[in-house]
Amino acid sequence: MNILGKRYIFFTLSLLIIVSGLIILFAGKVPLSVDFTGGSLLEVSFADQSPQPGEIIAIYDADSLKDVQVQTSDSDSYIIRSEFLDNDARDRVLSSLTDQFGEVSVIRFDSVGPSIGEQVTSRGAIAVTVASLLVVLFIAWSFRGVQNAFRYGVCAVIAMIHDVAIIFAITGFGALLFGWEIDSLFLTALLTVIGFSMQDTIVVFDRIRENSSIYRRLDFETLVNHSIVQTLQRSINTQLMTVEFLLLALAMFGGVTLQEFASILLIGLLSGTYSSIFIAAPILVLWENREWKNWFRRGAAA
């Protein structure tokens, strides 16, 4: 099975998904939840009437509340996002809603101050950066007996960046089609995928390290391809049997609140397995062969 011979097909496939998804994500406003931007989320349901979103926004406008967005859910409730509401402002809004539309039931109410939202964003970025540096150092130390051990760490981080980009790209499609938002659960899924991606990539690299001392006469590309084939069955079986089926069931039957989280985790972990086999190891071969020197020569010769 010549996996590395098709490496540029895998690179192109990933590039198409990432670029198209990120264009969709950033073409409009990035759908950040109140966990990052700061503000309040009020989810209510009405017993007697089903008001239009514009009517609810008008009540907020009457109380001089800004940045109001109203979205209906599958359970016939209304999710109302606005600037930060204290308890008094929330009570005034609920009183006005009751006066105009009848009995109101509060399903949830979440408020996050702007400073907390900034802290969540900055600390999440710091966590990812520190994890990447530690992984490079750990792999470089663990693979110190292998030639160019530092490359293994760099390639693992590149695969991790690939998985992060895939998650953001898929979120762009989800925001367009299903109204997904980037919230604290998204950050949880992202960090989980990063850890899984690193673990799976290290398994593949460790097999390459073991085979490098056994098959010394093989050229590097053949050696890496042989190592990938050896770990392929283990990666696919572990992924499908222990993770993907469970997350698929959770995404389908886990309810609205967990659907986005489970879907992102499902795709992210699948991308983690894909990147360890079809991205990280091929980039290692590309680096070893210094193939970028021939990219433009081939075009000129053609």
C-alpha atoms as a PDB file:
ATOM      1  CA  MET A   1       0.000   0.000   0.000  1.00  0.00           C
ATOM      2  CA  ASN A   2       1.788   3.097  -1.246  1.00  0.00           C
ATOM      3  CA  ILE A   3       0.345   5.818   0.993  1.00  0.00           C
ATOM      4  CA  LEU A   4       3.224   8.253   0.657  1.00  0.00           C
ATOM      5  CA  GLY A   5       3.057   8.108  -3.128  1.00  0.00           C
ATOM      6  CA  LYS A   6      -0.289   9.927  -2.921  1.00  0.00           C
ATOM      7  CA  ARG A   7       0.807  12.490  -0.311  1.00  0.00           C
ATOM      8  CA  TYR A   8       0.153  15.521  -2.514  1.00  0.00           C
ATOM      9  CA  ILE A   9      -3.440  14.366  -2.992  1.00  0.00           C
ATOM     10  CA  PHE A  10      -3.872  14.333   0.797  1.00  0.00           C
ATOM     11  CA  PHE A  11      -2.233  17.759   1.085  1.00  0.00           C
ATOM     12  CA  THR A  12      -4.566  19.166  -1.572  1.00  0.00           C
ATOM     13  CA  LEU A  13      -7.668  17.682   0.061  1.00  0.00           C
ATOM     14  CA  SER A  14      -6.806  19.203   3.428  1.00  0.00           C
ATOM     15  CA  LEU A  15      -5.974  22.538   1.820  1.00  0.00           C
ATOM     16  CA  LEU A  16      -9.324  22.697   0.020  1.00  0.00           C
ATOM     17  CA  ILE A  17     -11.288  21.985   3.212  1.00  0.00           C
ATOM     18  CA  ILE A  18      -9.279  24.429   5.320  1.00  0.00           C
ATOM     19  CA  VAL A  19      -9.249  27.319   2.861  1.00  0.00           C
ATOM     20  CA  SER A  20     -12.942  27.086   1.938  1.00  0.00           C
ATOM     21  CA  GLY A  21     -14.017  26.731   5.571  1.00  0.00           C
ATOM     22  CA  LEU A  22     -11.868  29.609   6.820  1.00  0.00           C
ATOM     23  CA  ILE A  23     -13.118  31.873   4.032  1.00  0.00           C
ATOM     24  CA  ILE A  24     -16.699  31.155   5.103  1.00  0.00           C
ATOM     25  CA  LEU A  25     -15.785  31.636   8.778  1.00  0.00           C
ATOM     26  CA  PHE A  26     -13.996  34.968   8.380  1.00  0.00           C
ATOM     27  CA  ALA A  27     -15.958  36.361   5.428  1.00  0.00           C
ATOM     28  CA  GLY A  28     -18.637  37.367   7.885  1.00  0.00           C
ATOM     29  CA  LYS A  29     -18.254  38.083  11.558  1.00  0.00           C
ATOM     30  CA  VAL A  30     -16.639  35.226  13.504  1.00  0.00           C
ATOM     31  CA  PRO A  31     -19.502  33.681  15.535  1.00  0.00           C
ATOM     32  CA  LEU A  32     -18.094  34.166  19.034  1.00  0.00           C
ATOM     33  CA  SER A  33     -20.405  33.386  21.937  1.00  0.00           C
ATOM     34  CA  VAL A  34     -20.766  35.444  25.110  1.00  0.00           C
ATOM     35  CA  ASP A  35     -18.037  33.248  26.647  1.00  0.00           C
ATOM     36  CA  PHE A  36     -15.520  35.220  24.574  1.00  0.00           C
ATOM     37  CA  THR A  37     -17.156  38.532  23.746  1.00  0.00           C
ATOM     38  CA  GLY A  38     -18.837  39.162  27.081  1.00  0.00           C
ATOM     39  CA  GLY A  39     -22.558  39.712  27.377  1.00  0.00           C
ATOM     40  CA  SER A  40     -25.695  37.849  28.406  1.00  0.00           C
ATOM     41  CA  LEU A  41     -27.643  34.943  27.028  1.00  0.00           C
ATOM     42  CA  LEU A  42     -31.267  34.546  28.034  1.00  0.00           C
ATOM     43  CA  GLU A  43     -33.273  31.558  26.809  1.00  0.00           C
ATOM     44  CA  VAL A  44     -37.023  31.754  27.403  1.00  0.00           C
ATOM     45  CA  SER A  45     -40.224  30.092  26.257  1.00  0.00           C
ATOM     46  CA  PHE A  46     -43.751  31.501  26.113  1.00  0.00           C
ATOM     47  CA  ALA A  47     -46.835  29.626  27.197  1.00  0.00           C
ATOM     48  CA  ASP A  48     -49.467  31.663  25.350  1.00  0.00           C
ATOM     49  CA  GLN A  49     -47.889  33.349  22.325  1.00  0.00           C
ATOM     50  CA  SER A  50     -45.066  32.971  19.814  1.00  0.00           C
ATOM     51  CA  PRO A  51     -43.711  36.485  19.297  1.00  0.00           C
ATOM     52  CA  GLN A  52     -41.581  37.480  16.350  1.00  0.00           C
ATOM     53  CA  PRO A  53     -37.878  38.117  17.001  1.00  0.00           C
ATOM     54  CA  GLY A  54     -38.350  41.765  16.072  1.00  0.00           C
ATOM     55  CA  GLU A  55     -40.933  42.193  18.827  1.00  0.00           C
ATOM     56  CA  ILE A  56     -38.496  40.861  21.414  1.00  0.00           C
ATOM     57  CA  ILE A  57     -35.723  43.113  20.102  1.00  0.00           C
ATOM     58  CA  ALA A  58     -38.074  46.092  20.426  1.00  0.00           C
ATOM     59  CA  ILE A  59     -38.487  45.384  24.148  1.00  0.00           C
ATOM     60  CA  TYR A  60     -34.719  45.390  24.604  1.00  0.00           C
ATOM     61  CA  ASP A  61     -34.439  48.601  22.575  1.00  0.00           C
ATOM     62  CA  ALA A  62     -37.022  50.238  24.805  1.00  0.00           C
ATOM     63  CA  ASP A  63     -34.758  49.515  27.777  1.00  0.00           C
ATOM     64  CA  SER A  64     -31.710  50.933  25.900  1.00  0.00           C
ATOM     65  CA  LEU A  65     -30.047  47.526  25.642  1.00  0.00           C
ATOM     66  CA  LYS A  66     -27.736  47.022  22.661  1.00  0.00           C
ATOM     67  CA  ASP A  67     -26.269  44.224  20.538  1.00  0.00           C
ATOM     68  CA  VAL A  68     -29.473  42.162  20.696  1.00  0.00           C
ATOM     69  CA  GLN A  69     -29.804  38.968  18.663  1.00  0.00           C
ATOM     70  CA  VAL A  70     -32.759  36.581  18.833  1.00  0.00           C
ATOM     71  CA  GLN A  71     -32.665  32.984  17.637  1.00  0.00           C
ATOM     72  CA  THR A  72     -35.298  30.266  17.872  1.00  0.00           C
ATOM     73  CA  SER A  73     -34.351  26.743  18.943  1.00  0.00           C
ATOM     74  CA  ASP A  74     -35.705  23.315  18.039  1.00  0.00           C
ATOM     75  CA  SER A  75     -37.636  23.220  21.324  1.00  0.00           C
ATOM     76  CA  ASP A  76     -39.646  26.381  20.428  1.00  0.00           C
ATOM     77  CA  SER A  77     -37.674  28.515  22.853  1.00  0.00           C
ATOM     78  CA  TYR A  78     -36.024  31.876  22.140  1.00  0.00           C
ATOM     79  CA  ILE A  79     -32.293  32.408  22.653  1.00  0.00           C
ATOM     80  CA  ILE A  80     -31.664  36.115  23.230  1.00  0.00           C
ATOM     81  CA  ARG A  81     -28.113  37.499  23.234  1.00  0.00           C
ATOM     82  CA  SER A  82     -27.367  41.035  24.287  1.00  0.00           C
ATOM     83  CA  GLU A  83     -24.905  43.234  26.092  1.00  0.00           C
ATOM     84  CA  PHE A  84     -24.150  42.356  29.713  1.00  0.00           C
ATOM     85  CA  LEU A  85     -27.287  42.303  31.896  1.00  0.00           C
ATOM     86  CA  ASP A  86     -27.208  42.609  35.659  1.00  0.00           C
ATOM     87  CA  ASN A  87     -30.020  41.134  37.764  1.00  0.00           C
ATOM     88  CA  ASP A  88     -32.071  44.325  37.698  1.00  0.00           C
ATOM     89  CA  ALA A  89     -31.887  44.618  33.892  1.00  0.00           C
ATOM     90  CA  ARG A  90     -32.810  40.956  33.517  1.00  0.00           C
ATOM     91  CA  ASP A  91     -35.832  41.382  35.791  1.00  0.00           C
ATOM     92  CA  ARG A  92     -36.992  44.420  33.815  1.00  0.00           C
ATOM     93  CA  VAL A  93     -36.733  42.496  30.539  1.00  0.00           C
ATOM     94  CA  LEU A  94     -38.639  39.516  31.926  1.00  0.00           C
ATOM     95  CA  SER A  95     -41.308  41.807  33.354  1.00  0.00           C
ATOM     96  CA  SER A  96     -41.751  43.536  29.981  1.00  0.00           C
ATOM     97  CA  LEU A  97     -41.904  40.184  28.159  1.00  0.00           C
ATOM     98  CA  THR A  98     -44.549  38.934  30.592  1.00  0.00           C
ATOM     99  CA  ASP A  99     -46.649  42.086  30.250  1.00  0.00           C
ATOM    100  CA  GLN A 100     -46.662  41.873  26.454  1.00  0.00           C
ATOM    101  CA  PHE A 101     -46.666  38.132  25.696  1.00  0.00           C
ATOM    102  CA  GLY A 102     -47.994  36.425  28.802  1.00  0.00           C
ATOM    103  CA  GLU A 103     -46.333  33.835  30.997  1.00  0.00           C
ATOM    104  CA  VAL A 104     -42.570  33.477  30.451  1.00  0.00           C
ATOM    105  CA  SER A 105     -40.430  30.516  31.526  1.00  0.00           C
ATOM    106  CA  VAL A 106     -36.681  31.064  31.927  1.00  0.00           C
ATOM    107  CA  ILE A 107     -34.737  28.063  30.640  1.00  0.00           C
ATOM    108  CA  ARG A 108     -31.277  29.488  31.247  1.00  0.00           C
ATOM    109  CA  PHE A 109     -29.514  32.752  31.892  1.00  0.00           C
ATOM    110  CA  ASP A 110     -25.743  33.179  31.447  1.00  0.00           C
ATOM    111  CA  SER A 111     -23.723  36.357  31.795  1.00  0.00           C
ATOM    112  CA  VAL A 112     -20.029  36.882  31.176  1.00  0.00           C
ATOM    113  CA  GLY A 113     -18.226  40.173  31.695  1.00  0.00           C
ATOM    114  CA  PRO A 114     -15.999  41.505  28.894  1.00  0.00           C
ATOM    115  CA  SER A 115     -12.841  41.060  30.992  1.00  0.00           C
ATOM    116  CA  ILE A 116     -13.647  37.383  31.600  1.00  0.00           C
ATOM    117  CA  GLY A 117     -14.194  36.849  27.888  1.00  0.00           C
ATOM    118  CA  GLU A 118     -10.776  38.350  27.129  1.00  0.00           C
ATOM    119  CA  GLN A 119      -9.142  36.137  29.760  1.00  0.00           C
ATOM    120  CA  VAL A 120     -10.706  33.004  28.276  1.00  0.00           C
ATOM    121  CA  THR A 121      -9.384  33.903  24.814  1.00  0.00           C
ATOM    122  CA  SER A 122      -5.863  34.827  25.927  1.00  0.00           C
ATOM    123  CA  ARG A 123      -5.442  31.871  28.267  1.00  0.00           C
ATOM    124  CA  GLY A 124      -6.708  29.459  25.625  1.00  0.00           C
ATOM    125  CA  ALA A 125      -4.124  30.796  23.144  1.00  0.00           C
ATOM    126  CA  ILE A 126      -1.376  30.570  25.779  1.00  0.00           C
ATOM    127  CA  ALA A 127      -2.357  26.976  26.590  1.00  0.00           C
ATOM    128  CA  VAL A 128      -2.098  25.944  22.929  1.00  0.00           C
ATOM    129  CA  THR A 129       1.250  27.730  22.476  1.00  0.00           C
ATOM    130  CA  VAL A 130       2.821  26.269  25.613  1.00  0.00           C
ATOM    131  CA  ALA A 131       1.559  22.774  24.724  1.00  0.00           C
ATOM    132  CA  SER A 132       3.113  23.054  21.246  1.00  0.00           C
ATOM    133  CA  LEU A 133       6.517  24.087  22.609  1.00  0.00           C
ATOM    134  CA  LEU A 134       6.521  21.333  25.217  1.00  0.00           C
ATOM    135  CA  VAL A 135       5.614  18.737  22.596  1.00  0.00           C
ATOM    136  CA  VAL A 136       8.498  19.812  20.331  1.00  0.00           C
ATOM    137  CA  LEU A 137      10.938  19.609  23.233  1.00  0.00           C
ATOM    138  CA  PHE A 138       9.571  16.273  24.452  1.00  0.00           C
ATOM    139  CA  ILE A 139       9.701  14.618  21.034  1.00  0.00           C
ATOM    140  CA  ALA A 140      13.163  16.028  20.324  1.00  0.00           C
ATOM    141  CA  TRP A 141      14.393  14.558  23.614  1.00  0.00           C
ATOM    142  CA  SER A 142      12.590  11.211  23.227  1.00  0.00           C
ATOM    143  CA  PHE A 143      13.845  10.772  19.650  1.00  0.00           C
ATOM    144  CA  ARG A 144      17.370  11.980  20.443  1.00  0.00           C
ATOM    145  CA  GLY A 145      18.835   8.722  19.122  1.00  0.00           C
ATOM    146  CA  VAL A 146      17.302   9.332  15.679  1.00  0.00           C
ATOM    147  CA  GLN A 147      18.868  11.553  13.058  1.00  0.00           C
ATOM    148  CA  ASN A 148      17.174  14.987  12.822  1.00  0.00           C
ATOM    149  CA  ALA A 149      15.029  14.311  15.913  1.00  0.00           C
ATOM    150  CA  PHE A 150      13.884  17.940  16.009  1.00  0.00           C
ATOM    151  CA  ARG A 151      12.018  17.439  12.723  1.00  0.00           C
ATOM    152  CA  TYR A 152       9.699  14.918  14.334  1.00  0.00           C
ATOM    153  CA  GLY A 153       8.566  17.485  16.894  1.00  0.00           C
ATOM    154  CA  VAL A 154       8.044  20.169  14.269  1.00  0.00           C
ATOM    155  CA  CYS A 155       6.054  17.805  12.043  1.00  0.00           C
ATOM    156  CA  ALA A 156       3.864  16.809  15.011  1.00  0.00           C
ATOM    157  CA  VAL A 157       3.103  20.489  15.663  1.00  0.00           C
ATOM    158  CA  ILE A 158       2.330  21.034  11.958  1.00  0.00           C
ATOM    159  CA  ALA A 159      -0.142  18.135  12.134  1.00  0.00           C
ATOM    160  CA  MET A 160      -1.666  19.704  15.238  1.00  0.00           C
ATOM    161  CA  ILE A 161      -2.029  23.046  13.439  1.00  0.00           C
ATOM    162  CA  HIS A 162      -3.681  21.167  10.579  1.00  0.00           C
ATOM    163  CA  ASP A 163      -6.244  19.686  12.991  1.00  0.00           C
ATOM    164  CA  VAL A 164      -6.919  23.079  14.588  1.00  0.00           C
ATOM    165  CA  ALA A 165      -7.433  24.599  11.138  1.00  0.00           C
ATOM    166  CA  ILE A 166      -9.793  21.761  10.190  1.00  0.00           C
ATOM    167  CA  ILE A 167     -11.867  22.397  13.322  1.00  0.00           C
ATOM    168  CA  PHE A 168     -12.159  26.113  12.565  1.00  0.00           C
ATOM    169  CA  ALA A 169     -12.997  25.341   8.927  1.00  0.00           C
ATOM    170  CA  ILE A 170     -15.749  22.904   9.931  1.00  0.00           C
ATOM    171  CA  THR A 171     -17.026  25.479  12.418  1.00  0.00           C
ATOM    172  CA  GLY A 172     -17.277  27.911   9.511  1.00  0.00           C
ATOM    173  CA  PHE A 173     -19.504  25.460   7.635  1.00  0.00           C
ATOM    174  CA  GLY A 174     -21.488  24.791  10.825  1.00  0.00           C
ATOM    175  CA  ALA A 175     -21.969  28.506  11.491  1.00  0.00           C
ATOM    176  CA  LEU A 176     -23.281  28.976   7.960  1.00  0.00           C
ATOM    177  CA  LEU A 177     -25.621  25.972   7.954  1.00  0.00           C
ATOM    178  CA  PHE A 178     -26.575  25.412  11.600  1.00  0.00           C
ATOM    179  CA  GLY A 179     -25.758  28.644  13.449  1.00  0.00           C
ATOM    180  CA  TRP A 180     -22.817  27.215  15.413  1.00  0.00           C
ATOM    181  CA  GLU A 181     -20.843  29.490  17.730  1.00  0.00           C
ATOM    182  CA  ILE A 182     -17.352  29.428  19.213  1.00  0.00           C
ATOM    183  CA  ASP A 183     -17.884  29.019  22.965  1.00  0.00           C
ATOM    184  CA  SER A 184     -16.188  27.452  25.989  1.00  0.00           C
ATOM    185  CA  LEU A 185     -17.228  23.944  24.906  1.00  0.00           C
ATOM    186  CA  PHE A 186     -15.570  24.621  21.551  1.00  0.00           C
ATOM    187  CA  LEU A 187     -12.344  25.427  23.396  1.00  0.00           C
ATOM    188  CA  THR A 188     -12.696  22.196  25.390  1.00  0.00           C
ATOM    189  CA  ALA A 189     -13.125  20.177  22.191  1.00  0.00           C
ATOM    190  CA  LEU A 190     -10.178  21.988  20.602  1.00  0.00           C
ATOM    191  CA  LEU A 191      -7.784  21.181  23.462  1.00  0.00           C
ATOM    192  CA  THR A 192      -8.989  17.563  23.504  1.00  0.00           C
ATOM    193  CA  VAL A 193      -8.306  17.201  19.779  1.00  0.00           C
ATOM    194  CA  ILE A 194      -4.835  18.714  20.203  1.00  0.00           C
ATOM    195  CA  GLY A 195      -3.954  16.145  22.849  1.00  0.00           C
ATOM    196  CA  PHE A 196      -5.350  13.252  20.805  1.00  0.00           C
ATOM    197  CA  SER A 197      -3.610  14.414  17.635  1.00  0.00           C
ATOM    198  CA  MET A 198      -0.260  14.579  19.392  1.00  0.00           C
ATOM    199  CA  GLN A 199      -0.713  11.143  20.931  1.00  0.00           C
ATOM    200  CA  ASP A 200      -1.633   9.495  17.632  1.00  0.00           C
ATOM    201  CA  THR A 201       1.201  11.214  15.767  1.00  0.00           C
ATOM    202  CA  ILE A 202       3.755  10.104  18.362  1.00  0.00           C
ATOM    203  CA  VAL A 203       2.571   6.481  17.944  1.00  0.00           C
ATOM    204  CA  VAL A 204       3.298   6.641  14.202  1.00  0.00           C
ATOM    205  CA  PHE A 205       6.647   8.382  14.731  1.00  0.00           C
ATOM    206  CA  ASP A 206       7.638   5.867  17.386  1.00  0.00           C
ATOM    207  CA  ARG A 207       7.099   3.026  14.924  1.00  0.00           C
ATOM    208  CA  ILE A 208       9.289   4.892  12.417  1.00  0.00           C
ATOM    209  CA  ARG A 209      11.969   5.153  15.090  1.00  0.00           C
ATOM    210  CA  GLU A 210      11.771   1.426  15.851  1.00  0.00           C
ATOM    211  CA  ASN A 211      11.926   0.443  12.179  1.00  0.00           C
ATOM    212  CA  SER A 212      14.855   2.770  11.482  1.00  0.00           C
ATOM    213  CA  SER A 213      17.078   0.495  13.564  1.00  0.00           C
ATOM    214  CA  ILE A 214      15.645  -2.697  12.006  1.00  0.00           C
ATOM    215  CA  TYR A 215      15.442  -1.828   8.296  1.00  0.00           C
ATOM    216  CA  ARG A 216      18.619   0.188   7.942  1.00  0.00           C
ATOM    217  CA  ARG A 217      19.059  -0.525   4.256  1.00  0.00           C
ATOM    218  CA  LEU A 218      15.661   0.834   3.223  1.00  0.00           C
ATOM    219  CA  ASP A 219      15.453   4.366   1.924  1.00  0.00           C
ATOM    220  CA  PHE A 220      13.637   6.761   4.242  1.00  0.00           C
ATOM    221  CA  GLU A 221      10.419   7.048   2.233  1.00  0.00           C
ATOM    222  CA  THR A 222       9.957   3.271   2.016  1.00  0.00           C
ATOM    223  CA  LEU A 223      10.722   2.953   5.713  1.00  0.00           C
ATOM    224  CA  VAL A 224       8.115   5.565   6.666  1.00  0.00           C
ATOM    225  CA  ASN A 225       5.492   4.066   4.367  1.00  0.00           C
ATOM    226  CA  HIS A 226       6.082   0.626   5.891  1.00  0.00           C
ATOM    227  CA  SER A 227       5.708   2.104   9.393  1.00  0.00           C
ATOM    228  CA  ILE A 228       2.437   3.823   8.473  1.00  0.00           C
ATOM    229  CA  VAL A 229       0.983   0.582   7.103  1.00  0.00           C
ATOM    230  CA  GLN A 230       1.932  -1.207  10.312  1.00  0.00           C
ATOM    231  CA  THR A 231       0.092   1.333  12.478  1.00  0.00           C
ATOM    232  CA  LEU A 232      -2.833   1.896  10.106  1.00  0.00           C
ATOM    233  CA  GLN A 233      -5.037  -0.913  11.398  1.00  0.00           C
ATOM    234  CA  ARG A 234      -4.392   0.016  15.020  1.00  0.00           C
ATOM    235  CA  SER A 235      -5.252   3.686  14.429  1.00  0.00           C
ATOM    236  CA  ILE A 236      -8.455   3.002  12.507  1.00  0.00           C
ATOM    237  CA  ASN A 237      -9.717   0.309  14.879  1.00  0.00           C
ATOM    238  CA  THR A 238      -9.003   2.337  18.000  1.00  0.00           C
ATOM    239  CA  GLN A 239     -10.597   5.413  16.493  1.00  0.00           C
ATOM    240  CA  LEU A 240     -13.780   3.752  15.263  1.00  0.00           C
ATOM    241  CA  MET A 241     -14.432   1.331  18.091  1.00  0.00           C
ATOM    242  CA  THR A 242     -13.639   3.468  21.116  1.00  0.00           C
ATOM    243  CA  VAL A 243     -14.332   7.053  20.058  1.00  0.00           C
ATOM    244  CA  GLU A 244     -16.153   7.767  16.823  1.00  0.00           C
ATOM    245  CA  PHE A 245     -19.212   5.548  17.321  1.00  0.00           C
ATOM    246  CA  LEU A 246     -19.738   6.981  20.803  1.00  0.00           C
ATOM    247  CA  LEU A 247     -19.417  10.580  19.613  1.00  0.00           C
ATOM    248  CA  LEU A 248     -21.666   9.891  16.626  1.00  0.00           C
ATOM    249  CA  ALA A 249     -24.396   8.623  18.951  1.00  0.00           C
ATOM    250  CA  LEU A 250     -23.894  11.643  21.205  1.00  0.00           C
ATOM    251  CA  ALA A 251     -24.108  14.038  18.258  1.00  0.00           C
ATOM    252  CA  MET A 252     -27.292  12.410  16.955  1.00  0.00           C
ATOM    253  CA  PHE A 253     -29.156  11.783  20.212  1.00  0.00           C
ATOM    254  CA  GLY A 254     -27.407  13.925  22.843  1.00  0.00           C
ATOM    255  CA  GLY A 255     -29.679  16.937  22.556  1.00  0.00           C
ATOM    256  CA  VAL A 256     -29.220  20.456  21.217  1.00  0.00           C
ATOM    257  CA  THR A 257     -26.820  21.616  23.936  1.00  0.00           C
ATOM    258  CA  LEU A 258     -24.304  18.820  23.236  1.00  0.00           C
ATOM    259  CA  GLN A 259     -24.797  18.456  19.495  1.00  0.00           C
ATOM    260  CA  GLU A 260     -22.303  21.091  18.408  1.00  0.00           C
ATOM    261  CA  PHE A 261     -19.687  19.992  20.963  1.00  0.00           C
ATOM    262  CA  ALA A 262     -19.984  16.311  20.007  1.00  0.00           C
ATOM    263  CA  SER A 263     -19.891  17.102  16.274  1.00  0.00           C
ATOM    264  CA  ILE A 264     -16.747  19.214  16.575  1.00  0.00           C
ATOM    265  CA  LEU A 265     -15.091  16.578  18.734  1.00  0.00           C
ATOM    266  CA  LEU A 266     -16.122  13.851  16.285  1.00  0.00           C
ATOM    267  CA  ILE A 267     -14.629  15.638  13.287  1.00  0.00           C
ATOM    268  CA  GLY A 268     -11.595  16.834  15.227  1.00  0.00           C
ATOM    269  CA  LEU A 269     -10.610  13.379  16.454  1.00  0.00           C
ATOM    270  CA  LEU A 270     -11.146  11.952  12.974  1.00  0.00           C
ATOM    271  CA  SER A 271      -8.872  14.694  11.659  1.00  0.00           C
ATOM    272  CA  GLY A 272      -6.317  13.803  14.349  1.00  0.00           C
ATOM    273  CA  THR A 273      -6.102  10.236  13.080  1.00  0.00           C
ATOM    274  CA  TYR A 274      -6.028  11.420   9.460  1.00  0.00           C
ATOM    275  CA  SER A 275      -3.255  13.951  10.079  1.00  0.00           C
ATOM    276  CA  SER A 276      -0.999  11.514  11.931  1.00  0.00           C
ATOM    277  CA  ILE A 277      -1.071   9.136   8.956  1.00  0.00           C
ATOM    278  CA  PHE A 278      -1.560  11.336   5.900  1.00  0.00           C
ATOM    279  CA  ILE A 279      -0.055  14.686   6.975  1.00  0.00           C
ATOM    280  CA  ALA A 280       2.617  14.396   9.687  1.00  0.00           C
ATOM    281  CA  ALA A 281       4.558  11.429   8.273  1.00  0.00           C
ATOM    282  CA  PRO A 282       4.378  12.641   4.632  1.00  0.00           C
ATOM    283  CA  ILE A 283       5.675  16.075   5.709  1.00  0.00           C
ATOM    284  CA  LEU A 284       8.560  14.299   7.447  1.00  0.00           C
ATOM    285  CA  VAL A 285       9.405  12.578   4.150  1.00  0.00           C
ATOM    286  CA  LEU A 286       8.970  15.812   2.220  1.00  0.00           C
ATOM    287  CA  TRP A 287      11.414  17.505   4.591  1.00  0.00           C
ATOM    288  CA  GLU A 288      13.911  14.642   4.397  1.00  0.00           C
ATOM    289  CA  ASN A 289      13.867  14.701   0.572  1.00  0.00           C
ATOM    290  CA  ARG A 290      13.766  18.524   0.415  1.00  0.00           C
ATOM    291  CA  GLU A 291      11.113  18.213  -2.272  1.00  0.00           C
ATOM    292  CA  TRP A 292      10.324  21.917  -2.331  1.00  0.00           C
ATOM    293  CA  LYS A 293      13.500  22.420  -4.406  1.00  0.00           C
ATOM    294  CA  ASN A 294      11.883  20.534  -7.290  1.00  0.00           C
ATOM    295  CA  TRP A 295       8.373  22.012  -7.156  1.00  0.00           C
ATOM    296  CA  PHE A 296       9.053  24.820  -9.614  1.00  0.00           C
ATOM    297  CA  ARG A 297      11.618  22.929 -11.649  1.00  0.00           C
ATOM    298  CA  ARG A 298       8.982  20.401 -12.638  1.00  0.00           C
ATOM    299  CA  GLY A 299       6.721  23.197 -13.822  1.00  0.00           C
ATOM    300  CA  ALA A 300       9.540  24.737 -15.855  1.00  0.00           C
ATOM    301  CA  ALA A 301      10.467  21.411 -17.400  1.00  0.00           C
ATOM    302  CA  ALA A 302       6.856  20.746 -18.347  1.00  0.00           C
END
